[in-house]
């Protein structure tokens, strides 16, 4: 089982309603190969409040698939 977002993209950035909370989620079964850069991005956001990486695609406040990125579901289906 893994967590995935409706648009299948990671969720990385400040929570839309609690900007002091940095979210790193929805990474499903393939995040291990991205962990070094995900860790760097999350550390940048926590320490500096910004990152040099382009992360707009992963914004926790985005709306996609009708449910928004916090409409993630647990799934045991194989992609």
N, C-alpha and C. Protein backbone atom coordinates (compact mmCIF):
# COMPACT_ATOMS: atom_id res chain seq x y z
N UNK A 1 0.84 -1.19 0.00
CA UNK A 1 0.00 0.00 0.00
C UNK A 1 0.87 1.24 0.00
N UNK A 2 0.37 2.28 -0.64
CA UNK A 2 1.08 3.55 -0.61
C UNK A 2 0.08 4.68 -0.75
N UNK A 3 0.53 5.88 -0.40
CA UNK A 3 -0.31 7.07 -0.53
C UNK A 3 -0.02 7.71 -1.88
N UNK A 4 -1.06 8.14 -2.54
CA UNK A 4 -0.87 8.87 -3.79
C UNK A 4 -1.90 9.99 -3.86
N UNK A 5 -1.54 11.03 -4.55
CA UNK A 5 -2.44 12.15 -4.73
C UNK A 5 -3.26 11.92 -6.00
N UNK A 6 -4.36 12.63 -6.16
CA UNK A 6 -5.18 12.45 -7.37
C UNK A 6 -4.41 12.70 -8.67
N UNK A 7 -3.43 13.62 -8.64
CA UNK A 7 -2.66 13.90 -9.85
C UNK A 7 -1.32 13.15 -9.89
N UNK A 8 -1.08 12.31 -8.90
CA UNK A 8 0.12 11.46 -8.82
C UNK A 8 1.43 12.24 -8.63
N UNK A 9 1.34 13.49 -8.17
CA UNK A 9 2.53 14.28 -7.90
C UNK A 9 2.74 14.40 -6.40
N UNK A 10 4.00 14.56 -6.00
CA UNK A 10 4.32 14.75 -4.58
C UNK A 10 3.63 16.00 -4.04
N UNK A 11 3.57 16.09 -2.74
CA UNK A 11 3.10 17.28 -2.04
C UNK A 11 4.28 17.79 -1.22
N UNK A 12 4.83 18.94 -1.61
CA UNK A 12 6.00 19.51 -0.94
C UNK A 12 5.79 21.01 -0.79
N UNK A 13 5.75 21.46 0.45
CA UNK A 13 5.63 22.90 0.69
C UNK A 13 4.83 23.21 1.91
N UNK A 14 4.61 24.49 2.17
CA UNK A 14 3.83 24.91 3.34
C UNK A 14 2.36 24.50 3.21
N UNK A 15 1.78 24.03 4.29
CA UNK A 15 0.36 23.69 4.31
C UNK A 15 -0.44 24.96 4.01
N UNK A 16 -1.48 24.89 3.17
CA UNK A 16 -2.21 26.09 2.77
C UNK A 16 -2.92 26.81 3.92
N UNK A 17 -3.26 26.11 4.98
CA UNK A 17 -3.96 26.74 6.11
C UNK A 17 -3.07 26.94 7.32
N UNK A 18 -1.93 26.28 7.36
CA UNK A 18 -0.98 26.38 8.47
C UNK A 18 0.42 26.58 7.89
N UNK A 19 0.77 27.79 7.46
CA UNK A 19 2.04 28.00 6.75
C UNK A 19 3.30 27.66 7.55
N UNK A 20 3.18 27.51 8.87
CA UNK A 20 4.33 27.09 9.68
C UNK A 20 4.56 25.58 9.60
N UNK A 21 3.64 24.85 8.97
CA UNK A 21 3.76 23.40 8.82
C UNK A 21 4.21 23.12 7.39
N UNK A 22 5.36 22.46 7.26
CA UNK A 22 5.88 22.09 5.95
C UNK A 22 5.48 20.64 5.67
N UNK A 23 4.87 20.41 4.52
CA UNK A 23 4.34 19.10 4.16
C UNK A 23 5.26 18.40 3.16
N UNK A 24 5.52 17.15 3.40
CA UNK A 24 6.22 16.29 2.45
C UNK A 24 5.46 14.97 2.42
N UNK A 25 4.63 14.77 1.41
CA UNK A 25 3.75 13.59 1.41
C UNK A 25 3.38 13.19 -0.01
N UNK A 26 2.58 12.13 -0.10
CA UNK A 26 2.07 11.66 -1.38
C UNK A 26 3.15 11.08 -2.27
N UNK A 27 4.19 10.56 -1.66
CA UNK A 27 5.37 10.13 -2.42
C UNK A 27 5.26 8.71 -2.95
N UNK A 28 4.26 7.99 -2.62
CA UNK A 28 3.97 6.63 -3.07
C UNK A 28 5.20 5.74 -3.07
N UNK A 29 5.24 4.79 -3.94
CA UNK A 29 6.29 3.79 -3.92
C UNK A 29 7.57 4.17 -4.64
N UNK A 30 7.64 5.34 -5.27
CA UNK A 30 8.84 5.68 -6.02
C UNK A 30 9.65 6.83 -5.41
N UNK A 31 9.31 7.27 -4.23
CA UNK A 31 9.99 8.42 -3.63
C UNK A 31 11.44 8.14 -3.27
N UNK A 32 11.79 6.88 -3.01
CA UNK A 32 13.14 6.58 -2.56
C UNK A 32 14.21 7.13 -3.51
N UNK A 33 13.93 7.15 -4.80
CA UNK A 33 14.94 7.64 -5.74
C UNK A 33 15.02 9.17 -5.77
N UNK A 34 14.06 9.83 -5.14
CA UNK A 34 14.06 11.29 -5.09
C UNK A 34 14.38 11.83 -3.70
N UNK A 35 14.58 10.94 -2.73
CA UNK A 35 14.74 11.39 -1.34
C UNK A 35 15.84 12.41 -1.12
N UNK A 36 17.01 12.31 -1.76
CA UNK A 36 18.01 13.35 -1.51
C UNK A 36 17.51 14.76 -1.86
N UNK A 37 16.88 14.93 -3.00
CA UNK A 37 16.41 16.26 -3.37
C UNK A 37 15.15 16.64 -2.58
N UNK A 38 14.28 15.68 -2.27
CA UNK A 38 13.12 15.98 -1.43
C UNK A 38 13.57 16.45 -0.05
N UNK A 39 14.56 15.78 0.51
CA UNK A 39 15.10 16.20 1.81
C UNK A 39 15.69 17.59 1.75
N UNK A 40 16.42 17.88 0.68
CA UNK A 40 17.01 19.21 0.52
C UNK A 40 15.92 20.27 0.41
N UNK A 41 14.90 20.00 -0.38
CA UNK A 41 13.79 20.95 -0.55
C UNK A 41 13.10 21.21 0.78
N UNK A 42 12.75 20.14 1.50
CA UNK A 42 12.06 20.30 2.78
C UNK A 42 12.93 21.03 3.80
N UNK A 43 14.24 20.72 3.83
CA UNK A 43 15.14 21.42 4.74
C UNK A 43 15.23 22.90 4.38
N UNK A 44 15.33 23.21 3.09
CA UNK A 44 15.35 24.62 2.66
C UNK A 44 14.10 25.35 3.13
N UNK A 45 12.94 24.71 2.94
CA UNK A 45 11.67 25.35 3.31
C UNK A 45 11.57 25.57 4.82
N UNK A 46 12.05 24.61 5.59
CA UNK A 46 11.99 24.73 7.05
C UNK A 46 12.95 25.81 7.54
N UNK A 47 14.18 25.79 7.04
CA UNK A 47 15.21 26.71 7.53
C UNK A 47 15.09 28.11 6.93
N UNK A 48 14.90 28.18 5.60
CA UNK A 48 14.93 29.46 4.90
C UNK A 48 13.57 29.98 4.47
N UNK A 49 12.55 29.12 4.47
CA UNK A 49 11.23 29.53 4.00
C UNK A 49 11.10 29.56 2.49
N UNK A 50 12.14 29.11 1.78
CA UNK A 50 12.13 29.08 0.32
C UNK A 50 13.16 28.05 -0.13
N UNK A 51 13.10 27.69 -1.40
CA UNK A 51 14.07 26.76 -1.98
C UNK A 51 14.44 27.23 -3.38
N UNK A 52 15.63 26.90 -3.82
CA UNK A 52 16.07 27.25 -5.17
C UNK A 52 15.44 26.32 -6.21
N UNK A 53 14.88 25.20 -5.77
CA UNK A 53 14.26 24.24 -6.69
C UNK A 53 12.87 24.72 -7.10
N UNK A 54 12.49 24.42 -8.32
CA UNK A 54 11.16 24.74 -8.80
C UNK A 54 10.16 23.72 -8.23
N UNK A 55 9.30 24.16 -7.34
CA UNK A 55 8.39 23.23 -6.66
C UNK A 55 6.91 23.58 -6.83
N UNK A 56 6.59 24.48 -7.73
CA UNK A 56 5.19 24.89 -7.91
C UNK A 56 4.28 23.70 -8.22
N UNK A 57 4.78 22.73 -8.98
CA UNK A 57 4.00 21.54 -9.32
C UNK A 57 3.58 20.76 -8.08
N UNK A 58 4.35 20.88 -7.00
CA UNK A 58 4.13 20.09 -5.79
C UNK A 58 3.46 20.87 -4.66
N UNK A 59 2.97 22.06 -4.95
CA UNK A 59 2.37 22.95 -3.95
C UNK A 59 1.19 22.27 -3.25
N UNK A 60 1.20 22.20 -1.91
CA UNK A 60 0.08 21.59 -1.18
C UNK A 60 -1.26 22.28 -1.41
N UNK A 61 -1.26 23.53 -1.84
CA UNK A 61 -2.51 24.26 -2.06
C UNK A 61 -3.08 24.08 -3.45
N UNK A 62 -2.41 23.29 -4.29
CA UNK A 62 -2.91 23.14 -5.67
C UNK A 62 -4.24 22.37 -5.67
N UNK A 63 -4.98 22.59 -6.73
CA UNK A 63 -6.23 21.86 -6.94
C UNK A 63 -6.10 21.05 -8.20
N UNK A 64 -6.33 19.76 -8.09
CA UNK A 64 -6.26 18.90 -9.26
C UNK A 64 -7.13 17.68 -9.02
N UNK A 65 -7.65 17.15 -10.05
CA UNK A 65 -8.47 15.95 -9.94
C UNK A 65 -9.75 16.17 -9.17
N UNK A 66 -10.14 17.43 -8.98
CA UNK A 66 -11.39 17.74 -8.30
C UNK A 66 -11.33 17.67 -6.79
N UNK A 67 -10.40 16.91 -6.21
CA UNK A 67 -10.37 16.74 -4.76
C UNK A 67 -9.27 17.55 -4.11
N UNK A 68 -8.39 18.16 -4.88
CA UNK A 68 -7.25 18.84 -4.31
C UNK A 68 -6.22 17.83 -3.85
N UNK A 69 -5.02 18.28 -3.58
CA UNK A 69 -3.97 17.32 -3.28
C UNK A 69 -4.16 16.64 -1.94
N UNK A 70 -4.95 17.20 -1.05
CA UNK A 70 -5.18 16.53 0.23
C UNK A 70 -6.31 15.52 0.14
N UNK A 71 -6.74 15.22 -1.08
CA UNK A 71 -7.70 14.14 -1.30
C UNK A 71 -6.96 12.83 -1.55
N UNK A 72 -5.72 12.72 -1.05
CA UNK A 72 -4.91 11.51 -1.27
C UNK A 72 -5.62 10.29 -0.71
N UNK A 73 -5.40 9.18 -1.36
CA UNK A 73 -6.01 7.92 -0.92
C UNK A 73 -4.94 6.87 -0.77
N UNK A 74 -5.19 5.93 0.09
CA UNK A 74 -4.31 4.75 0.20
C UNK A 74 -4.74 3.78 -0.87
N UNK A 75 -3.77 3.19 -1.53
CA UNK A 75 -4.10 2.30 -2.62
C UNK A 75 -3.16 1.10 -2.61
N UNK A 76 -3.67 -0.05 -2.96
CA UNK A 76 -2.81 -1.22 -3.10
C UNK A 76 -2.75 -1.66 -4.57
N UNK A 77 -3.30 -0.82 -5.47
CA UNK A 77 -3.25 -1.16 -6.88
C UNK A 77 -1.84 -0.90 -7.42
N UNK A 78 -1.44 -1.67 -8.38
CA UNK A 78 -0.12 -1.51 -8.98
C UNK A 78 -0.25 -0.55 -10.15
N UNK A 79 0.61 0.48 -10.17
CA UNK A 79 0.56 1.47 -11.24
C UNK A 79 1.32 1.00 -12.45
